[in-house]
Amino acid sequence: MINKARRTALLRVSALSVAAAALATACSSSSSSNGTAGGGISPSSASSGSAVAASGSDLVIGTIGNFSGPSAEPSHLAGLQAWVDSVNASGGVKGRQIKLIVEDDQGDATKSQAEIRQLVQVDHVLAVVSPEASATESGWASYVEQQHVAVVGGEADTPEWFTNPAFFPSGATVLTSIEMQAYAVKAAGKQSFGAVYCAEIAACKQSVPALAGYAKAFHLDMSTSAAIAVAAPSYTAQCLAAKQANAQAVVIDASFAAGSRFAPACAQQGYTPVYVIPSGSFDGRYLQVAQVTGAYVPTTNALWFASTPAVNQFKKAMARYEPSTALGPNPMSGWAGGALFGAAAASLPAKATAADVFTALYSLPKNDTLDGLTPPLNFHSGAPASQVTCFFIGQIKGGSLTDPVGTAPVCP
């Protein structure tokens, strides 16, 4: 357990450091397909929530993100779209259909700022739901706050999710996404560990100090860290360095293209640590990489492979509405953001406004987990949301994903 004073100290990381760490998480996430098969849905095809025609009673929501750029993550959008389609097919929210308007910023900051204004000023969305915009949302965060439009759920991997009162996270926030890596090492029963991270973006390295801080909090020894580049012909040097540092576990916070070569390279050197692959870096193809058998997969939302009622609903909807998208942490994140909006929407008045969404979110039960889809969530009127400091743990065994500590969120 991390005592309260220690956790508070860790959460006082400077905004610059947190932002850099967030970019590192985004770096590894966007460079991984997370096992997506096929192209999933296209942003243009997702301009409405269903075939039902829009009407004055519709609940109009928007989303924005990098859905077709060079480092796109369309599977996140697929999860949100599946949620919209499944809710509409079941009669909507208290009889009202959800209309989803999608803006694809392709990771471009200037484009993103124009498109968020389109959603707010032209489309008059009730909320921005489950964006996948970690590289661009800082550019429009103050705007949505000024316009009093809520940003509900999504990949909460920038400081805005716990510093801006317009943001409502539906999963573990950025520092917790680093904390869960150290916790996974402890859950594996290892005392010392190392970390490898993407070499392509300088900011990837900035998550290392925060990870080292959590290592100390869990009384672990973080003995080594190194960058690994996708284009590198060999990872022998990094493997030998980790082996010589007696790292019993290694966190792989890099793309699948690099991580799937790193583990076999280490095995060739007689080095077989327990691996930790955070959800931002996880790809379903890891299940076919024999050298990562036993790896722990800490994740910010519910285990997408579990068999709980809430996850089964997610899997059923994905199979029906987004069959070309493989299940994984990104579609689960998109779905969870939608579910958070849905929980709030159930109490919206007949003629809802964006301001009513805030009231509805504040009215949700304390420590709500949306039936197990999310860690405990707490929102406060007029103030930023609480840091979401709980997460979930998966593990690769025999080519499949398992739940080594159960399906409930872990709250160190």
Foldseek 3Di string as FASTA:
>chain_A
DFDPVLVVVLVVDDQVLLLLQLVQLLQQQLQAQQAFFPLWDDLVVQQWLDPDDDDLQAQEEEEEEQCDAPSHHVLLVNLQSLLLNVQVVVCHQVNHHYTYGYYHQNLDQVSRQVVVCCCCVPVQHLAHFAYHHSSHVVSCLVVCLVVLHAYFFHQQRHCCQFFRQRYFYQWFHNLLLLLVQLVVCVVLVDAEAEEEGAPPDPSSCSSVVSNCSSSVSVNHHHQYYYYWYLPDPADLVVLVVRVVSVHQEYEYSHACSGVLRNLVRNVVVVDQHAYEYEQSNHHLCVLVRVSNAFHKYWYTWFDCPDDAPVSVVSVVSCCVRGVSTDDGRSSLRSNSRSLLQSQLVSPADSNGHSNSSSVSNQPDDFQDNSRLGYGGWHHDPPGRTDRRNWTAMWGRHNSDIDGPPDRHIDHD
